[in-house]
C-alpha atoms as a PDB file:
ATOM      1  CA  MET A   1     -14.176 -24.926 -10.311  1.00  0.00           C
ATOM      2  CA  THR A   2     -11.483 -26.672  -8.434  1.00  0.00           C
ATOM      3  CA  ASP A   3      -7.469 -26.311  -8.406  1.00  0.00           C
ATOM      4  CA  GLY A   4      -5.691 -27.569 -11.001  1.00  0.00           C
ATOM      5  CA  ILE A   5      -2.351 -28.568  -9.328  1.00  0.00           C
ATOM      6  CA  GLY A   6      -1.749 -30.261  -5.800  1.00  0.00           C
ATOM      7  CA  PRO A   7      -1.330 -28.936  -2.294  1.00  0.00           C
ATOM      8  CA  SER A   8       2.200 -29.259  -2.715  1.00  0.00           C
ATOM      9  CA  HIS A   9       2.601 -27.878  -5.811  1.00  0.00           C
ATOM     10  CA  ARG A  10       0.514 -25.174  -4.777  1.00  0.00           C
ATOM     11  CA  SER A  11       2.777 -24.334  -1.528  1.00  0.00           C
ATOM     12  CA  TRP A  12       5.611 -24.297  -3.842  1.00  0.00           C
ATOM     13  CA  ASN A  13       3.967 -21.641  -6.214  1.00  0.00           C
ATOM     14  CA  MET A  14       3.191 -19.798  -2.895  1.00  0.00           C
ATOM     15  CA  GLY A  15       6.882 -19.863  -1.692  1.00  0.00           C
ATOM     16  CA  ARG A  16       8.416 -18.488  -4.890  1.00  0.00           C
ATOM     17  CA  ILE A  17       6.053 -15.143  -3.928  1.00  0.00           C
ATOM     18  CA  ARG A  18       8.909 -12.568  -2.748  1.00  0.00           C
ATOM     19  CA  GLY A  19       8.498  -9.698  -0.538  1.00  0.00           C
ATOM     20  CA  LYS A  20      11.671  -7.917  -1.604  1.00  0.00           C
ATOM     21  CA  ASP A  21      13.473  -6.462  -4.537  1.00  0.00           C
ATOM     22  CA  THR A  22       9.860  -7.455  -6.777  1.00  0.00           C
ATOM     23  CA  LYS A  23       9.788  -6.585 -10.269  1.00  0.00           C
ATOM     24  CA  PRO A  24       7.497  -3.463  -9.455  1.00  0.00           C
ATOM     25  CA  GLU A  25       9.806  -2.355  -6.847  1.00  0.00           C
ATOM     26  CA  ILE A  26      12.504  -2.599  -9.045  1.00  0.00           C
ATOM     27  CA  ALA A  27      11.257  -0.684 -11.528  1.00  0.00           C
ATOM     28  CA  VAL A  28      10.287   2.203  -9.188  1.00  0.00           C
ATOM     29  CA  ARG A  29      13.717   2.495  -7.911  1.00  0.00           C
ATOM     30  CA  SER A  30      15.271   2.650 -11.124  1.00  0.00           C
ATOM     31  CA  LEU A  31      12.564   5.452 -12.163  1.00  0.00           C
ATOM     32  CA  LEU A  32      13.723   6.924  -8.900  1.00  0.00           C
ATOM     33  CA  HIS A  33      17.201   6.776  -9.734  1.00  0.00           C
ATOM     34  CA  ARG A  34      16.878   8.388 -13.400  1.00  0.00           C
ATOM     35  CA  MET A  35      14.942  11.262 -11.324  1.00  0.00           C
ATOM     36  CA  GLY A  36      17.996  11.646  -9.079  1.00  0.00           C
ATOM     37  CA  PHE A  37      16.467  10.573  -6.083  1.00  0.00           C
ATOM     38  CA  ARG A  38      18.791   9.147  -3.717  1.00  0.00           C
ATOM     39  CA  PHE A  39      17.173   6.433  -1.288  1.00  0.00           C
ATOM     40  CA  ARG A  40      17.649   3.397   1.211  1.00  0.00           C
ATOM     41  CA  LEU A  41      15.989   0.042   0.711  1.00  0.00           C
ATOM     42  CA  HIS A  42      13.816  -2.180   3.735  1.00  0.00           C
ATOM     43  CA  ARG A  43      14.674   0.195   7.033  1.00  0.00           C
ATOM     44  CA  ARG A  44      13.843  -2.314   9.579  1.00  0.00           C
ATOM     45  CA  ASP A  45      13.598   0.023  12.288  1.00  0.00           C
ATOM     46  CA  LEU A  46      10.585   1.657  10.683  1.00  0.00           C
ATOM     47  CA  PRO A  47       7.377   0.196  10.830  1.00  0.00           C
ATOM     48  CA  GLY A  48       6.412  -2.274   8.081  1.00  0.00           C
ATOM     49  CA  THR A  49       9.518  -1.611   6.607  1.00  0.00           C
ATOM     50  CA  PRO A  50       9.244   0.485   4.032  1.00  0.00           C
ATOM     51  CA  ASP A  51      10.465  -0.688   0.391  1.00  0.00           C
ATOM     52  CA  ILE A  52      12.252   2.027  -0.443  1.00  0.00           C
ATOM     53  CA  VAL A  53      12.941   5.439   2.156  1.00  0.00           C
ATOM     54  CA  LEU A  54      13.788   8.774   0.856  1.00  0.00           C
ATOM     55  CA  PRO A  55      15.209  10.004   3.843  1.00  0.00           C
ATOM     56  CA  LYS A  56      16.008  13.867   2.400  1.00  0.00           C
ATOM     57  CA  PHE A  57      12.585  14.040   2.187  1.00  0.00           C
ATOM     58  CA  ARG A  58      11.491  12.381   5.306  1.00  0.00           C
ATOM     59  CA  THR A  59       9.313   9.818   2.787  1.00  0.00           C
ATOM     60  CA  VAL A  60       8.569   6.451   2.665  1.00  0.00           C
ATOM     61  CA  ILE A  61       7.499   4.438  -0.207  1.00  0.00           C
ATOM     62  CA  PHE A  62       5.245   1.549  -0.212  1.00  0.00           C
ATOM     63  CA  VAL A  63       5.136  -0.353  -3.952  1.00  0.00           C
ATOM     64  CA  ASN A  64       1.876  -2.744  -3.186  1.00  0.00           C
ATOM     65  CA  GLY A  65       0.601  -5.629  -5.198  1.00  0.00           C
ATOM     66  CA  CYS A  66      -2.940  -4.922  -6.390  1.00  0.00           C
ATOM     67  CA  PHE A  67      -4.050  -8.320  -5.146  1.00  0.00           C
ATOM     68  CA  TRP A  68      -2.407  -8.718  -1.935  1.00  0.00           C
ATOM     69  CA  HIS A  69      -3.187  -5.089  -0.812  1.00  0.00           C
ATOM     70  CA  ARG A  70      -6.454  -4.823  -2.165  1.00  0.00           C
ATOM     71  CA  HIS A  71      -6.121  -1.729  -4.435  1.00  0.00           C
ATOM     72  CA  PRO A  72      -9.638  -0.208  -4.274  1.00  0.00           C
ATOM     73  CA  GLY A  73     -11.181   0.003  -7.416  1.00  0.00           C
ATOM     74  CA  CYS A  74      -8.689  -2.174  -9.073  1.00  0.00           C
ATOM     75  CA  LYS A  75      -9.340  -4.938 -11.778  1.00  0.00           C
ATOM     76  CA  PHE A  76      -6.184  -7.199  -9.655  1.00  0.00           C
ATOM     77  CA  ALA A  77      -7.933  -6.670  -6.563  1.00  0.00           C
ATOM     78  CA  TYR A  78     -10.458  -9.560  -7.184  1.00  0.00           C
ATOM     79  CA  THR A  79     -11.028 -12.563  -4.469  1.00  0.00           C
ATOM     80  CA  PRO A  80     -10.541 -15.743  -5.283  1.00  0.00           C
ATOM     81  CA  LYS A  81     -13.274 -18.220  -6.026  1.00  0.00           C
ATOM     82  CA  THR A  82     -12.565 -20.870  -4.003  1.00  0.00           C
ATOM     83  CA  ARG A  83     -11.772 -20.743  -0.127  1.00  0.00           C
ATOM     84  CA  THR A  84     -13.392 -17.088   0.283  1.00  0.00           C
ATOM     85  CA  GLU A  85     -13.582 -17.001   3.706  1.00  0.00           C
ATOM     86  CA  PHE A  86      -9.882 -17.819   4.398  1.00  0.00           C
ATOM     87  CA  TRP A  87      -8.889 -15.373   1.623  1.00  0.00           C
ATOM     88  CA  LYS A  88     -11.188 -12.792   3.486  1.00  0.00           C
ATOM     89  CA  LYS A  89      -9.585 -12.940   6.278  1.00  0.00           C
ATOM     90  CA  LYS A  90      -5.961 -13.168   4.856  1.00  0.00           C
ATOM     91  CA  PHE A  91      -6.841  -9.683   3.123  1.00  0.00           C
ATOM     92  CA  LYS A  92      -8.624  -7.972   6.242  1.00  0.00           C
ATOM     93  CA  GLY A  93      -5.232  -9.036   8.087  1.00  0.00           C
ATOM     94  CA  THR A  94      -2.964  -7.240   5.543  1.00  0.00           C
ATOM     95  CA  THR A  95      -4.900  -4.577   5.281  1.00  0.00           C
ATOM     96  CA  GLN A  96      -5.012  -3.387   9.200  1.00  0.00           C
ATOM     97  CA  ARG A  97      -1.321  -3.618   9.057  1.00  0.00           C
ATOM     98  CA  ASP A  98      -1.243  -1.520   6.391  1.00  0.00           C
ATOM     99  CA  ALA A  99      -3.083   0.782   8.012  1.00  0.00           C
ATOM    100  CA  ASN A 100      -1.525   0.684  11.572  1.00  0.00           C
ATOM    101  CA  ASN A 101       2.205   0.931  10.131  1.00  0.00           C
ATOM    102  CA  ARG A 102       1.032   3.940   7.694  1.00  0.00           C
ATOM    103  CA  LYS A 103      -0.177   5.213  10.961  1.00  0.00           C
ATOM    104  CA  LEU A 104       2.895   4.815  12.935  1.00  0.00           C
ATOM    105  CA  LEU A 105       4.612   6.245  10.291  1.00  0.00           C
ATOM    106  CA  THR A 106       2.630   9.501   9.647  1.00  0.00           C
ATOM    107  CA  ASP A 107       2.609   9.807  13.565  1.00  0.00           C
ATOM    108  CA  SER A 108       6.439   9.774  13.932  1.00  0.00           C
ATOM    109  CA  GLY A 109       6.926  12.518  11.242  1.00  0.00           C
ATOM    110  CA  TRP A 110       7.215  10.588   8.161  1.00  0.00           C
ATOM    111  CA  LYS A 111       5.166  11.418   4.472  1.00  0.00           C
ATOM    112  CA  VAL A 112       3.725   7.859   3.368  1.00  0.00           C
ATOM    113  CA  GLU A 113       3.233   7.267  -0.379  1.00  0.00           C
ATOM    114  CA  THR A 114       2.238   3.623  -2.105  1.00  0.00           C
ATOM    115  CA  ILE A 115       2.678   3.127  -5.753  1.00  0.00           C
ATOM    116  CA  TRP A 116       0.120   0.305  -6.368  1.00  0.00           C
ATOM    117  CA  GLU A 117       1.576  -2.417  -9.328  1.00  0.00           C
ATOM    118  CA  CYS A 118      -1.180  -1.369 -11.682  1.00  0.00           C
ATOM    119  CA  GLU A 119       0.054   1.864 -11.600  1.00  0.00           C
ATOM    120  CA  LEU A 120       3.222   1.251 -13.405  1.00  0.00           C
ATOM    121  CA  ARG A 121       1.660   0.665 -16.704  1.00  0.00           C
ATOM    122  CA  ASP A 122       1.562   4.455 -16.802  1.00  0.00           C
ATOM    123  CA  VAL A 123       5.029   5.859 -16.319  1.00  0.00           C
ATOM    124  CA  GLU A 124       4.216   9.360 -17.402  1.00  0.00           C
ATOM    125  CA  LYS A 125       1.466   9.341 -14.801  1.00  0.00           C
ATOM    126  CA  LEU A 126       3.774   7.584 -12.196  1.00  0.00           C
ATOM    127  CA  THR A 127       6.529  10.254 -12.930  1.00  0.00           C
ATOM    128  CA  LYS A 128       4.291  13.012 -12.138  1.00  0.00           C
ATOM    129  CA  LYS A 129       3.126  11.335  -9.066  1.00  0.00           C
ATOM    130  CA  ILE A 130       6.664  10.971  -7.946  1.00  0.00           C
ATOM    131  CA  GLU A 131       7.738  14.197  -8.723  1.00  0.00           C
ATOM    132  CA  LYS A 132       4.974  15.797  -6.292  1.00  0.00           C
ATOM    133  CA  ILE A 133       7.376  14.224  -3.332  1.00  0.00           C
ATOM    134  CA  ARG A 134       9.937  16.774  -4.281  1.00  0.00           C
ATOM    135  CA  LEU A 135       7.361  19.912  -2.840  1.00  0.00           C
END
């Protein structure tokens, strides 16, 4: 099955996908704030420009979309049926960049947490995961 919209409209759609201040990221920030955490956003001086930085705990949090960052075993991390080679190459680049940034951060003494988009569905479980940061 081919795409039902034209290339110019597809480009317009893709251009609307943001890298910062996404709904999942805002939801995590709201939860962190309710839990009493103080944080900084998008520190460019750190590898990968983490979404959330908790300086007191020397921890960074990446809020990743399951589709774009390939959440292992998640139903939302599917590969589109058209242009599969293009998507495989794109996803491979994203996952390699994520792994490299994670290594650079851990090597410089930061703890790295990843919160996946699908984890926002269970707030209780997510709260427990975030609470472990204090330990």
